[in-house]
């Protein structure tokens, strides 16, 4: 999960990848998902999976579970 500040709020984006650094670089250079363009993104949460299928299942779960995403953001903010 990556996050960026927009209008003084922390917004998040969830996706799966097999190369975290390359994926973040794409988002930050405008070559990632359309919804991530124009912002400076940074990692707030990552998790490893054995299979792509497992990663995709968790991605779907995390995208649909707003309270979990909110808790992850709060945990990140508490470490600042």
PDB file of N, CA and C in Angstrom:
ATOM      1  N   UNK A   1       0.852  -1.161   0.000  1.00  0.00           N
ATOM      2  CA  UNK A   1       0.000   0.000   0.000  1.00  0.00           C
ATOM      3  C   UNK A   1       0.900   1.225   0.000  1.00  0.00           C
ATOM      4  N   UNK A   2       0.565   2.168  -0.857  1.00  0.00           N
ATOM      5  CA  UNK A   2       1.311   3.416  -0.913  1.00  0.00           C
ATOM      6  C   UNK A   2       0.380   4.559  -0.538  1.00  0.00           C
ATOM      7  N   UNK A   3       0.983   5.665  -0.178  1.00  0.00           N
ATOM      8  CA  UNK A   3       0.188   6.821   0.234  1.00  0.00           C
ATOM      9  C   UNK A   3       0.827   8.094  -0.294  1.00  0.00           C
ATOM     10  N   UNK A   4       0.014   9.142  -0.328  1.00  0.00           N
ATOM     11  CA  UNK A   4       0.477  10.466  -0.732  1.00  0.00           C
ATOM     12  C   UNK A   4      -0.367  11.493   0.004  1.00  0.00           C
ATOM     13  N   UNK A   5       0.184  12.682   0.138  1.00  0.00           N
ATOM     14  CA  UNK A   5      -0.591  13.765   0.743  1.00  0.00           C
ATOM     15  C   UNK A   5      -1.287  14.536  -0.364  1.00  0.00           C
ATOM     16  N   UNK A   6      -2.589  14.744  -0.171  1.00  0.00           N
ATOM     17  CA  UNK A   6      -3.392  15.506  -1.126  1.00  0.00           C
ATOM     18  C   UNK A   6      -4.376  16.346  -0.330  1.00  0.00           C
ATOM     19  N   UNK A   7      -4.357  17.649  -0.553  1.00  0.00           N
ATOM     20  CA  UNK A   7      -5.233  18.569   0.180  1.00  0.00           C
ATOM     21  C   UNK A   7      -5.120  18.369   1.686  1.00  0.00           C
ATOM     22  N   UNK A   8      -3.888  18.214   2.157  1.00  0.00           N
ATOM     23  CA  UNK A   8      -3.591  18.054   3.579  1.00  0.00           C
ATOM     24  C   UNK A   8      -4.142  16.765   4.186  1.00  0.00           C
ATOM     25  N   UNK A   9      -4.462  15.779   3.357  1.00  0.00           N
ATOM     26  CA  UNK A   9      -4.923  14.480   3.839  1.00  0.00           C
ATOM     27  C   UNK A   9      -4.035  13.391   3.258  1.00  0.00           C
ATOM     28  N   UNK A  10      -3.966  12.268   3.955  1.00  0.00           N
ATOM     29  CA  UNK A  10      -3.211  11.119   3.483  1.00  0.00           C
ATOM     30  C   UNK A  10      -4.156  10.219   2.695  1.00  0.00           C
ATOM     31  N   UNK A  11      -3.880  10.048   1.406  1.00  0.00           N
ATOM     32  CA  UNK A  11      -4.689   9.151   0.589  1.00  0.00           C
ATOM     33  C   UNK A  11      -3.862   7.908   0.294  1.00  0.00           C
ATOM     34  N   UNK A  12      -4.536   6.802   0.012  1.00  0.00           N
ATOM     35  CA  UNK A  12      -3.816   5.547  -0.203  1.00  0.00           C
ATOM     36  C   UNK A  12      -4.193   4.903  -1.527  1.00  0.00           C
ATOM     37  N   UNK A  13      -3.298   4.050  -1.981  1.00  0.00           N
ATOM     38  CA  UNK A  13      -3.504   3.269  -3.201  1.00  0.00           C
ATOM     39  C   UNK A  13      -3.044   1.847  -2.903  1.00  0.00           C
ATOM     40  N   UNK A  14      -3.833   0.875  -3.329  1.00  0.00           N
ATOM     41  CA  UNK A  14      -3.520  -0.534  -3.101  1.00  0.00           C
ATOM     42  C   UNK A  14      -3.305  -1.218  -4.441  1.00  0.00           C
ATOM     43  N   UNK A  15      -2.248  -1.999  -4.523  1.00  0.00           N
ATOM     44  CA  UNK A  15      -1.973  -2.764  -5.729  1.00  0.00           C
ATOM     45  C   UNK A  15      -0.965  -3.857  -5.416  1.00  0.00           C
ATOM     46  N   UNK A  16      -0.797  -4.786  -6.346  1.00  0.00           N
ATOM     47  CA  UNK A  16       0.191  -5.842  -6.145  1.00  0.00           C
ATOM     48  C   UNK A  16       1.292  -5.696  -7.190  1.00  0.00           C
ATOM     49  N   UNK A  17       2.469  -6.184  -6.850  1.00  0.00           N
ATOM     50  CA  UNK A  17       3.615  -6.127  -7.750  1.00  0.00           C
ATOM     51  C   UNK A  17       4.645  -7.158  -7.314  1.00  0.00           C
ATOM     52  N   UNK A  18       5.550  -7.481  -8.209  1.00  0.00           N
ATOM     53  CA  UNK A  18       6.665  -8.348  -7.830  1.00  0.00           C
ATOM     54  C   UNK A  18       7.963  -7.541  -7.708  1.00  0.00           C
ATOM     55  N   UNK A  19       7.860  -6.207  -7.848  1.00  0.00           N
ATOM     56  CA  UNK A  19       9.024  -5.330  -7.722  1.00  0.00           C
ATOM     57  C   UNK A  19       8.570  -3.993  -7.120  1.00  0.00           C
ATOM     58  N   UNK A  20       8.649  -3.896  -5.801  1.00  0.00           N
ATOM     59  CA  UNK A  20       8.141  -2.709  -5.097  1.00  0.00           C
ATOM     60  C   UNK A  20       8.807  -1.414  -5.556  1.00  0.00           C
ATOM     61  N   UNK A  21      10.114  -1.419  -5.642  1.00  0.00           N
ATOM     62  CA  UNK A  21      10.820  -0.180  -5.997  1.00  0.00           C
ATOM     63  C   UNK A  21      10.480   0.288  -7.403  1.00  0.00           C
ATOM     64  N   UNK A  22      10.425  -0.640  -8.343  1.00  0.00           N
ATOM     65  CA  UNK A  22      10.081  -0.286  -9.720  1.00  0.00           C
ATOM     66  C   UNK A  22       8.649   0.252  -9.808  1.00  0.00           C
ATOM     67  N   UNK A  23       7.742  -0.387  -9.098  1.00  0.00           N
ATOM     68  CA  UNK A  23       6.336   0.038  -9.115  1.00  0.00           C
ATOM     69  C   UNK A  23       6.179   1.447  -8.535  1.00  0.00           C
ATOM     70  N   UNK A  24       6.851   1.718  -7.426  1.00  0.00           N
ATOM     71  CA  UNK A  24       6.767   3.047  -6.820  1.00  0.00           C
ATOM     72  C   UNK A  24       7.354   4.101  -7.761  1.00  0.00           C
ATOM     73  N   UNK A  25       8.454   3.762  -8.393  1.00  0.00           N
ATOM     74  CA  UNK A  25       9.080   4.686  -9.346  1.00  0.00           C
ATOM     75  C   UNK A  25       8.115   5.014 -10.485  1.00  0.00           C
ATOM     76  N   UNK A  26       7.396   4.004 -10.972  1.00  0.00           N
ATOM     77  CA  UNK A  26       6.414   4.235 -12.044  1.00  0.00           C
ATOM     78  C   UNK A  26       5.308   5.178 -11.582  1.00  0.00           C
ATOM     79  N   UNK A  27       4.812   4.959 -10.382  1.00  0.00           N
ATOM     80  CA  UNK A  27       3.759   5.840  -9.859  1.00  0.00           C
ATOM     81  C   UNK A  27       4.260   7.278  -9.738  1.00  0.00           C
ATOM     82  N   UNK A  28       5.482   7.436  -9.276  1.00  0.00           N
ATOM     83  CA  UNK A  28       6.018   8.777  -9.046  1.00  0.00           C
ATOM     84  C   UNK A  28       6.483   9.479 -10.316  1.00  0.00           C
ATOM     85  N   UNK A  29       6.573   8.757 -11.425  1.00  0.00           N
ATOM     86  CA  UNK A  29       6.954   9.386 -12.697  1.00  0.00           C
ATOM     87  C   UNK A  29       5.776   9.454 -13.664  1.00  0.00           C
ATOM     88  N   UNK A  30       4.568   9.193 -13.157  1.00  0.00           N
ATOM     89  CA  UNK A  30       3.371   9.324 -13.982  1.00  0.00           C
ATOM     90  C   UNK A  30       3.092   8.150 -14.890  1.00  0.00           C
ATOM     91  N   UNK A  31       3.785   7.025 -14.676  1.00  0.00           N
ATOM     92  CA  UNK A  31       3.594   5.861 -15.535  1.00  0.00           C
ATOM     93  C   UNK A  31       2.845   4.732 -14.841  1.00  0.00           C
ATOM     94  N   UNK A  32       2.366   4.978 -13.639  1.00  0.00           N
ATOM     95  CA  UNK A  32       1.606   3.975 -12.904  1.00  0.00           C
ATOM     96  C   UNK A  32       0.127   4.109 -13.217  1.00  0.00           C
ATOM     97  N   UNK A  33      -0.689   3.696 -12.291  1.00  0.00           N
ATOM     98  CA  UNK A  33      -2.140   3.793 -12.455  1.00  0.00           C
ATOM     99  C   UNK A  33      -2.551   5.251 -12.647  1.00  0.00           C
ATOM    100  N   UNK A  34      -3.570   5.463 -13.447  1.00  0.00           N
ATOM    101  CA  UNK A  34      -4.028   6.823 -13.751  1.00  0.00           C
ATOM    102  C   UNK A  34      -4.376   7.608 -12.486  1.00  0.00           C
ATOM    103  N   UNK A  35      -4.957   6.934 -11.520  1.00  0.00           N
ATOM    104  CA  UNK A  35      -5.385   7.618 -10.293  1.00  0.00           C
ATOM    105  C   UNK A  35      -4.215   8.060  -9.415  1.00  0.00           C
ATOM    106  N   UNK A  36      -3.005   7.617  -9.720  1.00  0.00           N
ATOM    107  CA  UNK A  36      -1.853   7.977  -8.885  1.00  0.00           C
ATOM    108  C   UNK A  36      -0.994   9.078  -9.493  1.00  0.00           C
ATOM    109  N   UNK A  37      -1.337   9.545 -10.661  1.00  0.00           N
ATOM    110  CA  UNK A  37      -0.496  10.526 -11.354  1.00  0.00           C
ATOM    111  C   UNK A  37      -0.538  11.894 -10.688  1.00  0.00           C
ATOM    112  N   UNK A  38       0.614  12.550 -10.700  1.00  0.00           N
ATOM    113  CA  UNK A  38       0.703  13.916 -10.199  1.00  0.00           C
ATOM    114  C   UNK A  38       0.951  14.052  -8.708  1.00  0.00           C
ATOM    115  N   UNK A  39       1.136  12.937  -8.019  1.00  0.00           N
ATOM    116  CA  UNK A  39       1.388  12.978  -6.577  1.00  0.00           C
ATOM    117  C   UNK A  39       2.709  12.289  -6.264  1.00  0.00           C
ATOM    118  N   UNK A  40       3.282  12.610  -5.123  1.00  0.00           N
ATOM    119  CA  UNK A  40       4.512  11.960  -4.668  1.00  0.00           C
ATOM    120  C   UNK A  40       4.129  10.856  -3.690  1.00  0.00           C
ATOM    121  N   UNK A  41       4.310   9.604  -4.094  1.00  0.00           N
ATOM    122  CA  UNK A  41       3.885   8.443  -3.320  1.00  0.00           C
ATOM    123  C   UNK A  41       5.026   7.882  -2.492  1.00  0.00           C
ATOM    124  N   UNK A  42       4.667   7.212  -1.381  1.00  0.00           N
ATOM    125  CA  UNK A  42       5.641   6.543  -0.525  1.00  0.00           C
ATOM    126  C   UNK A  42       4.968   5.321   0.092  1.00  0.00           C
ATOM    127  N   UNK A  43       5.792   4.343   0.479  1.00  0.00           N
ATOM    128  CA  UNK A  43       5.269   3.109   1.071  1.00  0.00           C
ATOM    129  C   UNK A  43       4.770   3.343   2.484  1.00  0.00           C
ATOM    130  N   UNK A  44       3.643   2.709   2.809  1.00  0.00           N
ATOM    131  CA  UNK A  44       3.223   2.683   4.210  1.00  0.00           C
ATOM    132  C   UNK A  44       2.963   1.254   4.678  1.00  0.00           C
ATOM    133  N   UNK A  45       2.816   0.313   3.727  1.00  0.00           N
ATOM    134  CA  UNK A  45       2.545  -1.075   4.103  1.00  0.00           C
ATOM    135  C   UNK A  45       2.856  -1.983   2.925  1.00  0.00           C
ATOM    136  N   UNK A  46       3.494  -3.110   3.207  1.00  0.00           N
ATOM    137  CA  UNK A  46       3.691  -4.130   2.174  1.00  0.00           C
ATOM    138  C   UNK A  46       3.645  -5.504   2.828  1.00  0.00           C
ATOM    139  N   UNK A  47       3.317  -6.489   2.035  1.00  0.00           N
ATOM    140  CA  UNK A  47       3.194  -7.850   2.532  1.00  0.00           C
ATOM    141  C   UNK A  47       3.610  -8.791   1.413  1.00  0.00           C
ATOM    142  N   UNK A  48       4.381  -9.828   1.752  1.00  0.00           N
ATOM    143  CA  UNK A  48       4.834 -10.795   0.748  1.00  0.00           C
ATOM    144  C   UNK A  48       3.888 -11.985   0.687  1.00  0.00           C
ATOM    145  N   UNK A  49       3.743 -12.527  -0.521  1.00  0.00           N
ATOM    146  CA  UNK A  49       2.916 -13.707  -0.740  1.00  0.00           C
ATOM    147  C   UNK A  49       3.683 -14.708  -1.579  1.00  0.00           C
ATOM    148  N   UNK A  50       3.330 -15.977  -1.434  1.00  0.00           N
ATOM    149  CA  UNK A  50       4.006 -17.027  -2.194  1.00  0.00           C
ATOM    150  C   UNK A  50       3.545 -17.068  -3.639  1.00  0.00           C
ATOM    151  N   UNK A  51       2.273 -16.720  -3.873  1.00  0.00           N
ATOM    152  CA  UNK A  51       1.745 -16.798  -5.235  1.00  0.00           C
ATOM    153  C   UNK A  51       1.076 -15.485  -5.637  1.00  0.00           C
ATOM    154  N   UNK A  52       1.013 -15.265  -6.934  1.00  0.00           N
ATOM    155  CA  UNK A  52       0.334 -14.083  -7.469  1.00  0.00           C
ATOM    156  C   UNK A  52      -1.150 -14.131  -7.106  1.00  0.00           C
ATOM    157  N   UNK A  53      -1.715 -15.320  -7.141  1.00  0.00           N
ATOM    158  CA  UNK A  53      -3.134 -15.489  -6.813  1.00  0.00           C
ATOM    159  C   UNK A  53      -3.422 -15.024  -5.381  1.00  0.00           C
ATOM    160  N   UNK A  54      -2.561 -15.417  -4.441  1.00  0.00           N
ATOM    161  CA  UNK A  54      -2.735 -14.992  -3.047  1.00  0.00           C
ATOM    162  C   UNK A  54      -2.599 -13.478  -2.910  1.00  0.00           C
ATOM    163  N   UNK A  55      -1.640 -12.902  -3.629  1.00  0.00           N
ATOM    164  CA  UNK A  55      -1.442 -11.449  -3.596  1.00  0.00           C
ATOM    165  C   UNK A  55      -2.668 -10.727  -4.138  1.00  0.00           C
ATOM    166  N   UNK A  56      -3.237 -11.240  -5.213  1.00  0.00           N
ATOM    167  CA  UNK A  56      -4.414 -10.611  -5.816  1.00  0.00           C
ATOM    168  C   UNK A  56      -5.630 -10.719  -4.900  1.00  0.00           C
ATOM    169  N   UNK A  57      -5.771 -11.836  -4.210  1.00  0.00           N
ATOM    170  CA  UNK A  57      -6.876 -12.003  -3.262  1.00  0.00           C
ATOM    171  C   UNK A  57      -6.768 -10.981  -2.133  1.00  0.00           C
ATOM    172  N   UNK A  58      -5.548 -10.815  -1.613  1.00  0.00           N
ATOM    173  CA  UNK A  58      -5.357  -9.862  -0.521  1.00  0.00           C
ATOM    174  C   UNK A  58      -5.548  -8.429  -1.008  1.00  0.00           C
ATOM    175  N   UNK A  59      -5.089  -8.154  -2.216  1.00  0.00           N
ATOM    176  CA  UNK A  59      -5.294  -6.819  -2.796  1.00  0.00           C
ATOM    177  C   UNK A  59      -6.789  -6.499  -2.850  1.00  0.00           C
ATOM    178  N   UNK A  60      -7.585  -7.432  -3.335  1.00  0.00           N
ATOM    179  CA  UNK A  60      -9.033  -7.235  -3.424  1.00  0.00           C
ATOM    180  C   UNK A  60      -9.624  -7.012  -2.029  1.00  0.00           C
ATOM    181  N   UNK A  61      -9.201  -7.838  -1.073  1.00  0.00           N
ATOM    182  CA  UNK A  61      -9.680  -7.721   0.299  1.00  0.00           C
ATOM    183  C   UNK A  61      -9.352  -6.340   0.877  1.00  0.00           C
ATOM    184  N   UNK A  62      -8.112  -5.897   0.673  1.00  0.00           N
ATOM    185  CA  UNK A  62      -7.680  -4.610   1.214  1.00  0.00           C
ATOM    186  C   UNK A  62      -8.389  -3.439   0.533  1.00  0.00           C
ATOM    187  N   UNK A  63      -8.645  -3.563  -0.760  1.00  0.00           N
ATOM    188  CA  UNK A  63      -9.352  -2.497  -1.476  1.00  0.00           C
ATOM    189  C   UNK A  63     -10.782  -2.346  -0.972  1.00  0.00           C
ATOM    190  N   UNK A  64     -11.403  -3.438  -0.613  1.00  0.00           N
ATOM    191  CA  UNK A  64     -12.798  -3.409  -0.169  1.00  0.00           C
ATOM    192  C   UNK A  64     -12.952  -3.096   1.317  1.00  0.00           C
ATOM    193  N   UNK A  65     -11.902  -3.287   2.090  1.00  0.00           N
ATOM    194  CA  UNK A  65     -11.973  -3.115   3.538  1.00  0.00           C
ATOM    195  C   UNK A  65     -11.430  -1.740   3.934  1.00  0.00           C
ATOM    196  N   UNK A  66     -12.284  -0.735   3.874  1.00  0.00           N
ATOM    197  CA  UNK A  66     -11.880   0.646   4.155  1.00  0.00           C
ATOM    198  C   UNK A  66     -11.393   0.830   5.592  1.00  0.00           C
ATOM    199  N   UNK A  67     -11.986   0.111   6.534  1.00  0.00           N
ATOM    200  CA  UNK A  67     -11.564   0.282   7.930  1.00  0.00           C
ATOM    201  C   UNK A  67     -10.141  -0.238   8.129  1.00  0.00           C
ATOM    202  N   UNK A  68      -9.777  -1.323   7.472  1.00  0.00           N
ATOM    203  CA  UNK A  68      -8.416  -1.836   7.571  1.00  0.00           C
ATOM    204  C   UNK A  68      -7.432  -0.852   6.945  1.00  0.00           C
ATOM    205  N   UNK A  69      -7.779  -0.307   5.784  1.00  0.00           N
ATOM    206  CA  UNK A  69      -6.918   0.693   5.145  1.00  0.00           C
ATOM    207  C   UNK A  69      -6.743   1.912   6.050  1.00  0.00           C
ATOM    208  N   UNK A  70      -7.817   2.330   6.674  1.00  0.00           N
ATOM    209  CA  UNK A  70      -7.765   3.471   7.587  1.00  0.00           C
ATOM    210  C   UNK A  70      -6.852   3.172   8.776  1.00  0.00           C
ATOM    211  N   UNK A  71      -6.957   1.970   9.316  1.00  0.00           N
ATOM    212  CA  UNK A  71      -6.106   1.580  10.446  1.00  0.00           C
ATOM    213  C   UNK A  71      -4.633   1.545  10.053  1.00  0.00           C
ATOM    214  N   UNK A  72      -4.336   1.078   8.852  1.00  0.00           N
ATOM    215  CA  UNK A  72      -2.953   1.055   8.370  1.00  0.00           C
ATOM    216  C   UNK A  72      -2.424   2.481   8.257  1.00  0.00           C
ATOM    217  N   UNK A  73      -3.246   3.390   7.727  1.00  0.00           N
ATOM    218  CA  UNK A  73      -2.825   4.789   7.616  1.00  0.00           C
ATOM    219  C   UNK A  73      -2.599   5.402   8.999  1.00  0.00           C
ATOM    220  N   UNK A  74      -3.492   5.115   9.944  1.00  0.00           N
ATOM    221  CA  UNK A  74      -3.340   5.643  11.302  1.00  0.00           C
ATOM    222  C   UNK A  74      -2.060   5.123  11.948  1.00  0.00           C
ATOM    223  N   UNK A  75      -1.775   3.838  11.737  1.00  0.00           N
ATOM    224  CA  UNK A  75      -0.558   3.246  12.290  1.00  0.00           C
ATOM    225  C   UNK A  75       0.670   3.931  11.700  1.00  0.00           C
ATOM    226  N   UNK A  76       0.636   4.199  10.404  1.00  0.00           N
ATOM    227  CA  UNK A  76       1.747   4.897   9.758  1.00  0.00           C
ATOM    228  C   UNK A  76       1.921   6.295  10.357  1.00  0.00           C
ATOM    229  N   UNK A  77       0.821   7.025  10.484  1.00  0.00           N
ATOM    230  CA  UNK A  77       0.881   8.395  11.010  1.00  0.00           C
ATOM    231  C   UNK A  77       1.389   8.433  12.446  1.00  0.00           C
ATOM    232  N   UNK A  78       1.072   7.406  13.224  1.00  0.00           N
ATOM    233  CA  UNK A  78       1.513   7.377  14.620  1.00  0.00           C
ATOM    234  C   UNK A  78       3.026   7.183  14.736  1.00  0.00           C
ATOM    235  N   UNK A  79       3.657   6.674  13.687  1.00  0.00           N
ATOM    236  CA  UNK A  79       5.110   6.466  13.707  1.00  0.00           C
ATOM    237  C   UNK A  79       5.881   7.715  13.298  1.00  0.00           C
ATOM    238  N   UNK A  80       5.186   8.733  12.804  1.00  0.00           N
ATOM    239  CA  UNK A  80       5.868   9.957  12.363  1.00  0.00           C
ATOM    240  C   UNK A  80       6.285  10.833  13.515  1.00  0.00           C
TER     241      UNK A  80
END
